[in-house]
Amino acid sequence: MERLSELIKEKKPSKLIAVGDRVSRNIIEKGMPLDVLIIDNKVMRKAIAPMEMQTEKTLRITNPAGTIADEAWSAIRDAIDYEGRAKVLVEGEEDLLTLVAVLSAPENSWVVYGQPREGIVVINVTEDAKRKIRQIVDRMEDKNSKN
């Protein structure tokens, strides 16, 4: 978290988006300028007490485990486009919504998520990052359409 804070001050991403409860909480507790948090009130799939954090906008969606629900796309876009701090509260699971966040975020944004037992991952949203993520999502959609 200390290194992330230093990098934010140095690089000044256009938006900071966190996916996951623990990483969102840590970013806020360290006073970093978080724009969007996508949470499901779980850590490693175990329920936790809901986080009390100030957001100007809260969007609630349902996203079953292992999927990207249609409503997730519009909710995450709305949260990212919002000028204040926005929260997307997920009933279900938020893990795959990192992909949606990258594809919805403006370039030079950062999407941060936790890697269990490893630390955090920061994705710098670039045209190349979006292209790679789009390929992953397209493969997921192709596989699902064949089932």
C-alpha atoms as a PDB file:
ATOM      1  CA  MET A   1       0.000   0.000   0.000  1.00  0.00           C
ATOM      2  CA  GLU A   2       2.888   2.368   0.733  1.00  0.00           C
ATOM      3  CA  ARG A   3       4.330   1.796  -2.734  1.00  0.00           C
ATOM      4  CA  LEU A   4       0.905   2.257  -4.330  1.00  0.00           C
ATOM      5  CA  SER A   5       0.506   5.571  -2.516  1.00  0.00           C
ATOM      6  CA  GLU A   6       3.908   6.739  -3.775  1.00  0.00           C
ATOM      7  CA  LEU A   7       3.087   5.703  -7.350  1.00  0.00           C
ATOM      8  CA  ILE A   8      -0.265   7.504  -7.273  1.00  0.00           C
ATOM      9  CA  LYS A   9       1.439  10.729  -6.182  1.00  0.00           C
ATOM     10  CA  GLU A  10       4.068  10.321  -8.886  1.00  0.00           C
ATOM     11  CA  LYS A  11       1.959   9.110 -11.842  1.00  0.00           C
ATOM     12  CA  LYS A  12      -1.407  10.741 -11.018  1.00  0.00           C
ATOM     13  CA  PRO A  13      -3.814   8.288 -12.672  1.00  0.00           C
ATOM     14  CA  SER A  14      -6.963   9.871 -14.099  1.00  0.00           C
ATOM     15  CA  LYS A  15      -9.184   7.478 -12.078  1.00  0.00           C
ATOM     16  CA  LEU A  16      -8.407   4.990  -9.324  1.00  0.00           C
ATOM     17  CA  ILE A  17     -10.746   2.001  -9.308  1.00  0.00           C
ATOM     18  CA  ALA A  18     -10.548  -0.790  -6.720  1.00  0.00           C
ATOM     19  CA  VAL A  19     -12.138  -4.203  -7.107  1.00  0.00           C
ATOM     20  CA  GLY A  20     -12.471  -6.090  -3.844  1.00  0.00           C
ATOM     21  CA  ASP A  21     -13.312  -5.312  -0.250  1.00  0.00           C
ATOM     22  CA  ARG A  22      -9.904  -5.605   1.360  1.00  0.00           C
ATOM     23  CA  VAL A  23      -8.037  -3.585  -1.273  1.00  0.00           C
ATOM     24  CA  SER A  24     -10.773  -0.912  -1.244  1.00  0.00           C
ATOM     25  CA  ARG A  25     -10.622  -0.633   2.533  1.00  0.00           C
ATOM     26  CA  ASN A  26      -6.823  -0.414   2.557  1.00  0.00           C
ATOM     27  CA  ILE A  27      -6.753   2.286  -0.125  1.00  0.00           C
ATOM     28  CA  ILE A  28      -9.318   4.387   1.734  1.00  0.00           C
ATOM     29  CA  GLU A  29      -7.617   3.891   5.112  1.00  0.00           C
ATOM     30  CA  LYS A  30      -4.337   5.115   3.599  1.00  0.00           C
ATOM     31  CA  GLY A  31      -6.085   8.254   2.331  1.00  0.00           C
ATOM     32  CA  MET A  32      -5.571   7.565  -1.360  1.00  0.00           C
ATOM     33  CA  PRO A  33      -7.931   9.242  -3.853  1.00  0.00           C
ATOM     34  CA  LEU A  34     -10.220   6.298  -4.672  1.00  0.00           C
ATOM     35  CA  ASP A  35     -12.855   7.114  -7.300  1.00  0.00           C
ATOM     36  CA  VAL A  36     -14.713   3.798  -7.630  1.00  0.00           C
ATOM     37  CA  LEU A  37     -14.912   0.759  -5.394  1.00  0.00           C
ATOM     38  CA  ILE A  38     -16.499  -2.497  -6.486  1.00  0.00           C
ATOM     39  CA  ILE A  39     -17.232  -4.696  -3.483  1.00  0.00           C
ATOM     40  CA  ASP A  40     -19.330  -7.693  -2.449  1.00  0.00           C
ATOM     41  CA  ASN A  41     -18.923  -7.637   1.364  1.00  0.00           C
ATOM     42  CA  LYS A  42     -16.728 -10.740   1.174  1.00  0.00           C
ATOM     43  CA  VAL A  43     -13.036 -11.453   1.535  1.00  0.00           C
ATOM     44  CA  MET A  44     -11.834 -14.682  -0.071  1.00  0.00           C
ATOM     45  CA  ARG A  45     -15.502 -15.651  -0.516  1.00  0.00           C
ATOM     46  CA  LYS A  46     -16.261 -15.321   3.217  1.00  0.00           C
ATOM     47  CA  ALA A  47     -18.831 -12.767   4.354  1.00  0.00           C
ATOM     48  CA  ILE A  48     -17.511  -9.754   6.250  1.00  0.00           C
ATOM     49  CA  ALA A  49     -19.206  -6.843   7.971  1.00  0.00           C
ATOM     50  CA  PRO A  50     -20.207  -4.237   5.375  1.00  0.00           C
ATOM     51  CA  MET A  51     -17.707  -1.425   5.034  1.00  0.00           C
ATOM     52  CA  GLU A  52     -18.721   1.980   6.246  1.00  0.00           C
ATOM     53  CA  MET A  53     -17.227   4.365   3.744  1.00  0.00           C
ATOM     54  CA  GLN A  54     -18.386   7.660   2.398  1.00  0.00           C
ATOM     55  CA  THR A  55     -19.526   7.554  -1.216  1.00  0.00           C
ATOM     56  CA  GLU A  56     -21.742   9.998  -3.024  1.00  0.00           C
ATOM     57  CA  LYS A  57     -23.285   7.324  -5.255  1.00  0.00           C
ATOM     58  CA  THR A  58     -24.064   3.646  -4.644  1.00  0.00           C
ATOM     59  CA  LEU A  59     -25.152   1.265  -7.380  1.00  0.00           C
ATOM     60  CA  ARG A  60     -26.449  -2.188  -6.453  1.00  0.00           C
ATOM     61  CA  ILE A  61     -26.178  -5.087  -8.866  1.00  0.00           C
ATOM     62  CA  THR A  62     -26.495  -8.857  -8.925  1.00  0.00           C
ATOM     63  CA  ASN A  63     -23.577 -10.739 -10.441  1.00  0.00           C
ATOM     64  CA  PRO A  64     -23.482 -14.521  -9.919  1.00  0.00           C
ATOM     65  CA  ALA A  65     -20.104 -16.181  -9.293  1.00  0.00           C
ATOM     66  CA  GLY A  66     -18.093 -16.898 -12.430  1.00  0.00           C
ATOM     67  CA  THR A  67     -20.106 -14.527 -14.614  1.00  0.00           C
ATOM     68  CA  ILE A  68     -20.283 -10.966 -15.842  1.00  0.00           C
ATOM     69  CA  ALA A  69     -23.932  -9.931 -15.661  1.00  0.00           C
ATOM     70  CA  ASP A  70     -25.266  -7.496 -18.257  1.00  0.00           C
ATOM     71  CA  GLU A  71     -26.205  -5.005 -15.540  1.00  0.00           C
ATOM     72  CA  ALA A  72     -22.574  -4.921 -14.355  1.00  0.00           C
ATOM     73  CA  TRP A  73     -21.475  -3.189 -17.556  1.00  0.00           C
ATOM     74  CA  SER A  74     -23.817  -0.227 -17.223  1.00  0.00           C
ATOM     75  CA  ALA A  75     -23.399   0.099 -13.447  1.00  0.00           C
ATOM     76  CA  ILE A  76     -19.610   0.134 -13.628  1.00  0.00           C
ATOM     77  CA  ARG A  77     -19.651   2.603 -16.533  1.00  0.00           C
ATOM     78  CA  ASP A  78     -22.001   4.850 -14.546  1.00  0.00           C
ATOM     79  CA  ALA A  79     -19.757   4.632 -11.473  1.00  0.00           C
ATOM     80  CA  ILE A  80     -16.635   5.448 -13.483  1.00  0.00           C
ATOM     81  CA  ASP A  81     -18.317   8.357 -15.290  1.00  0.00           C
ATOM     82  CA  TYR A  82     -19.540   9.820 -11.980  1.00  0.00           C
ATOM     83  CA  GLU A  83     -17.532  12.847 -10.815  1.00  0.00           C
ATOM     84  CA  GLY A  84     -17.490  11.917  -7.090  1.00  0.00           C
ATOM     85  CA  ARG A  85     -16.685   8.670  -5.281  1.00  0.00           C
ATOM     86  CA  ALA A  86     -18.979   5.853  -6.350  1.00  0.00           C
ATOM     87  CA  LYS A  87     -19.511   2.371  -4.982  1.00  0.00           C
ATOM     88  CA  VAL A  88     -20.801  -0.665  -6.858  1.00  0.00           C
ATOM     89  CA  LEU A  89     -22.222  -3.085  -4.300  1.00  0.00           C
ATOM     90  CA  VAL A  90     -22.411  -6.580  -5.748  1.00  0.00           C
ATOM     91  CA  GLU A  91     -24.808  -9.270  -4.620  1.00  0.00           C
ATOM     92  CA  GLY A  92     -22.900 -12.359  -5.699  1.00  0.00           C
ATOM     93  CA  GLU A  93     -19.254 -12.048  -6.679  1.00  0.00           C
ATOM     94  CA  GLU A  94     -17.134  -9.189  -7.968  1.00  0.00           C
ATOM     95  CA  ASP A  95     -13.992 -11.052  -9.078  1.00  0.00           C
ATOM     96  CA  LEU A  96     -14.524 -10.945 -12.855  1.00  0.00           C
ATOM     97  CA  LEU A  97     -15.702  -7.334 -12.725  1.00  0.00           C
ATOM     98  CA  THR A  98     -12.058  -6.267 -12.879  1.00  0.00           C
ATOM     99  CA  LEU A  99     -12.345  -6.998 -16.605  1.00  0.00           C
ATOM    100  CA  VAL A 100     -15.363  -4.713 -16.927  1.00  0.00           C
ATOM    101  CA  ALA A 101     -13.601  -1.973 -14.977  1.00  0.00           C
ATOM    102  CA  VAL A 102     -10.590  -2.018 -17.303  1.00  0.00           C
ATOM    103  CA  LEU A 103     -12.757  -1.935 -20.424  1.00  0.00           C
ATOM    104  CA  SER A 104     -14.950   0.866 -19.011  1.00  0.00           C
ATOM    105  CA  ALA A 105     -12.237   3.099 -17.568  1.00  0.00           C
ATOM    106  CA  PRO A 106     -10.619   5.975 -19.434  1.00  0.00           C
ATOM    107  CA  GLU A 107      -6.993   5.576 -20.448  1.00  0.00           C
ATOM    108  CA  ASN A 108      -4.448   6.397 -17.743  1.00  0.00           C
ATOM    109  CA  SER A 109      -6.799   5.071 -15.076  1.00  0.00           C
ATOM    110  CA  TRP A 110      -5.633   2.390 -12.678  1.00  0.00           C
ATOM    111  CA  VAL A 111      -7.653  -0.666 -11.725  1.00  0.00           C
ATOM    112  CA  VAL A 112      -6.386  -2.261  -8.517  1.00  0.00           C
ATOM    113  CA  TYR A 113      -7.384  -5.650  -7.153  1.00  0.00           C
ATOM    114  CA  GLY A 114      -6.097  -8.053  -4.541  1.00  0.00           C
ATOM    115  CA  GLN A 115      -4.209 -11.206  -5.384  1.00  0.00           C
ATOM    116  CA  PRO A 116      -4.875 -13.577  -2.461  1.00  0.00           C
ATOM    117  CA  ARG A 117      -1.788 -14.317  -0.381  1.00  0.00           C
ATOM    118  CA  GLU A 118       0.338 -12.266  -2.803  1.00  0.00           C
ATOM    119  CA  GLY A 119      -0.559  -8.577  -2.522  1.00  0.00           C
ATOM    120  CA  ILE A 120      -2.156  -6.253  -5.028  1.00  0.00           C
ATOM    121  CA  VAL A 121      -2.188  -5.972  -8.795  1.00  0.00           C
ATOM    122  CA  VAL A 122      -2.352  -2.598 -10.554  1.00  0.00           C
ATOM    123  CA  ILE A 123      -3.521  -2.462 -14.158  1.00  0.00           C
ATOM    124  CA  ASN A 124      -2.628   0.744 -15.960  1.00  0.00           C
ATOM    125  CA  VAL A 125      -5.497   1.224 -18.415  1.00  0.00           C
ATOM    126  CA  THR A 126      -3.993   1.661 -21.860  1.00  0.00           C
ATOM    127  CA  GLU A 127      -5.202   0.851 -25.342  1.00  0.00           C
ATOM    128  CA  ASP A 128      -3.058  -2.312 -25.221  1.00  0.00           C
ATOM    129  CA  ALA A 129      -4.471  -3.377 -21.825  1.00  0.00           C
ATOM    130  CA  LYS A 130      -8.016  -2.876 -23.135  1.00  0.00           C
ATOM    131  CA  ARG A 131      -7.233  -4.930 -26.251  1.00  0.00           C
ATOM    132  CA  LYS A 132      -5.889  -7.841 -24.153  1.00  0.00           C
ATOM    133  CA  ILE A 133      -8.851  -7.744 -21.753  1.00  0.00           C
ATOM    134  CA  ARG A 134     -11.301  -7.537 -24.683  1.00  0.00           C
ATOM    135  CA  GLN A 135      -9.766 -10.736 -26.095  1.00  0.00           C
ATOM    136  CA  ILE A 136     -10.306 -12.499 -22.757  1.00  0.00           C
ATOM    137  CA  VAL A 137     -13.934 -11.337 -22.528  1.00  0.00           C
ATOM    138  CA  ASP A 138     -14.573 -12.327 -26.158  1.00  0.00           C
ATOM    139  CA  ARG A 139     -13.229 -15.844 -25.480  1.00  0.00           C
ATOM    140  CA  MET A 140     -15.477 -16.100 -22.412  1.00  0.00           C
ATOM    141  CA  GLU A 141     -18.492 -15.001 -24.488  1.00  0.00           C
ATOM    142  CA  ASP A 142     -17.631 -17.467 -27.280  1.00  0.00           C
ATOM    143  CA  LYS A 143     -17.348 -20.321 -24.806  1.00  0.00           C
ATOM    144  CA  ASN A 144     -20.666 -19.398 -23.154  1.00  0.00           C
ATOM    145  CA  SER A 145     -22.494 -19.106 -26.484  1.00  0.00           C
ATOM    146  CA  LYS A 146     -21.421 -22.672 -27.356  1.00  0.00           C
ATOM    147  CA  ASN A 147     -22.916 -24.104 -24.155  1.00  0.00           C
END
